[in-house]
Every structure is written in C-alpha cells, then in structure tokens.
C-alpha cells in the first residue's frame, strides 16, 4: 500500500499499482467479512466439546499458522 498511496508522481504510475475504480459496494465485497464473522461466532460452539489442554492449544496454534 505504501507504493500505491505514495507513488511520488501521479503522472507516472505503474498501471497495476493504481487504485481500482470504486463501483459501490457489491455483494462480493461482503462475502469474506461475513464468512469470517460466522467462523468467529462458531468458535464458542465448537470449543464446548473440547477440553482446554496443552494438546488442544497446540493444535489451535498449528492450524492457525
């Protein structure tokens, strides 16, 4: 983003680094945030069946990475 926002000269921009035109907020821009929200709200329901032990914690860390 540093290169995109601070090009030095707006007269000579490398075209792939130029900002995309804003065409409103289509449905596709909401899919990933909604999906991540649903994953976050599902975590407490999934963790009810797990015992909090070092093995479970290590599995969470490994899968997150």
C-alpha atoms as a PDB file:
ATOM      1  CA  UNK A   1       0.000   0.000   0.000  1.00  0.00           C
ATOM      2  CA  UNK A   2       2.930   2.332   0.530  1.00  0.00           C
ATOM      3  CA  UNK A   3       3.814   2.134  -3.152  1.00  0.00           C
ATOM      4  CA  UNK A   4       0.184   2.567  -4.219  1.00  0.00           C
ATOM      5  CA  UNK A   5      -0.583   5.512  -1.946  1.00  0.00           C
ATOM      6  CA  UNK A   6       2.775   7.307  -2.281  1.00  0.00           C
ATOM      7  CA  UNK A   7       3.871   6.911  -5.878  1.00  0.00           C
ATOM      8  CA  UNK A   8       5.946  10.072  -5.897  1.00  0.00           C
ATOM      9  CA  UNK A   9       4.394  11.364  -9.099  1.00  0.00           C
ATOM     10  CA  UNK A  10       0.794  10.684 -10.075  1.00  0.00           C
ATOM     11  CA  UNK A  11       1.753  11.419 -13.697  1.00  0.00           C
ATOM     12  CA  UNK A  12       3.867   8.253 -13.975  1.00  0.00           C
ATOM     13  CA  UNK A  13       2.098   5.396 -12.204  1.00  0.00           C
ATOM     14  CA  UNK A  14       2.721   1.734 -12.940  1.00  0.00           C
ATOM     15  CA  UNK A  15      -0.849   0.776 -14.027  1.00  0.00           C
ATOM     16  CA  UNK A  16      -1.202  -2.466 -11.998  1.00  0.00           C
ATOM     17  CA  UNK A  17      -0.431  -0.484  -8.816  1.00  0.00           C
ATOM     18  CA  UNK A  18      -3.120   2.123  -9.490  1.00  0.00           C
ATOM     19  CA  UNK A  19      -6.223   2.096  -7.299  1.00  0.00           C
ATOM     20  CA  UNK A  20      -9.277   0.352  -8.708  1.00  0.00           C
ATOM     21  CA  UNK A  21     -12.320   2.430  -9.519  1.00  0.00           C
ATOM     22  CA  UNK A  22     -14.938   2.488  -6.782  1.00  0.00           C
ATOM     23  CA  UNK A  23     -18.164   0.988  -8.087  1.00  0.00           C
ATOM     24  CA  UNK A  24     -20.111   0.980  -4.853  1.00  0.00           C
ATOM     25  CA  UNK A  25     -20.327  -1.994  -2.513  1.00  0.00           C
ATOM     26  CA  UNK A  26     -21.296  -5.129  -4.439  1.00  0.00           C
ATOM     27  CA  UNK A  27     -22.322  -8.350  -2.737  1.00  0.00           C
ATOM     28  CA  UNK A  28     -18.926  -9.916  -3.436  1.00  0.00           C
ATOM     29  CA  UNK A  29     -17.236  -7.355  -1.149  1.00  0.00           C
ATOM     30  CA  UNK A  30     -19.332  -8.627   1.761  1.00  0.00           C
ATOM     31  CA  UNK A  31     -18.834 -12.374   1.347  1.00  0.00           C
ATOM     32  CA  UNK A  32     -15.414 -12.745   3.034  1.00  0.00           C
ATOM     33  CA  UNK A  33     -16.159 -10.448   6.023  1.00  0.00           C
ATOM     34  CA  UNK A  34     -19.462 -12.236   6.655  1.00  0.00           C
ATOM     35  CA  UNK A  35     -17.736 -15.621   6.350  1.00  0.00           C
ATOM     36  CA  UNK A  36     -15.038 -14.596   8.849  1.00  0.00           C
ATOM     37  CA  UNK A  37     -17.715 -13.280  11.237  1.00  0.00           C
ATOM     38  CA  UNK A  38     -19.582 -16.595  11.042  1.00  0.00           C
ATOM     39  CA  UNK A  39     -16.351 -18.511  11.717  1.00  0.00           C
ATOM     40  CA  UNK A  40     -15.696 -16.329  14.766  1.00  0.00           C
ATOM     41  CA  UNK A  41     -19.172 -16.858  16.165  1.00  0.00           C
ATOM     42  CA  UNK A  42     -18.908 -20.631  15.640  1.00  0.00           C
ATOM     43  CA  UNK A  43     -15.742 -20.954  17.755  1.00  0.00           C
ATOM     44  CA  UNK A  44     -17.516 -20.943  21.157  1.00  0.00           C
ATOM     45  CA  UNK A  45     -19.899 -23.660  19.994  1.00  0.00           C
ATOM     46  CA  UNK A  46     -17.011 -25.814  18.756  1.00  0.00           C
ATOM     47  CA  UNK A  47     -14.935 -25.263  21.898  1.00  0.00           C
ATOM     48  CA  UNK A  48     -17.704 -26.509  24.230  1.00  0.00           C
ATOM     49  CA  UNK A  49     -16.870 -30.094  23.271  1.00  0.00           C
ATOM     50  CA  UNK A  50     -13.104 -29.611  23.735  1.00  0.00           C
ATOM     51  CA  UNK A  51     -11.160 -29.793  26.953  1.00  0.00           C
ATOM     52  CA  UNK A  52      -8.670 -26.979  27.259  1.00  0.00           C
ATOM     53  CA  UNK A  53      -5.382 -28.821  27.470  1.00  0.00           C
ATOM     54  CA  UNK A  54      -1.904 -28.112  26.061  1.00  0.00           C
ATOM     55  CA  UNK A  55      -2.570 -30.590  23.248  1.00  0.00           C
ATOM     56  CA  UNK A  56      -5.724 -28.729  22.172  1.00  0.00           C
ATOM     57  CA  UNK A  57      -3.954 -25.380  22.469  1.00  0.00           C
ATOM     58  CA  UNK A  58      -1.040 -26.616  20.316  1.00  0.00           C
ATOM     59  CA  UNK A  59      -3.469 -27.878  17.661  1.00  0.00           C
ATOM     60  CA  UNK A  60      -5.163 -24.472  17.562  1.00  0.00           C
ATOM     61  CA  UNK A  61      -1.834 -22.673  17.161  1.00  0.00           C
ATOM     62  CA  UNK A  62      -0.576 -25.032  14.442  1.00  0.00           C
ATOM     63  CA  UNK A  63      -3.807 -24.803  12.436  1.00  0.00           C
ATOM     64  CA  UNK A  64      -3.858 -21.026  12.787  1.00  0.00           C
ATOM     65  CA  UNK A  65      -0.368 -20.709  11.404  1.00  0.00           C
END
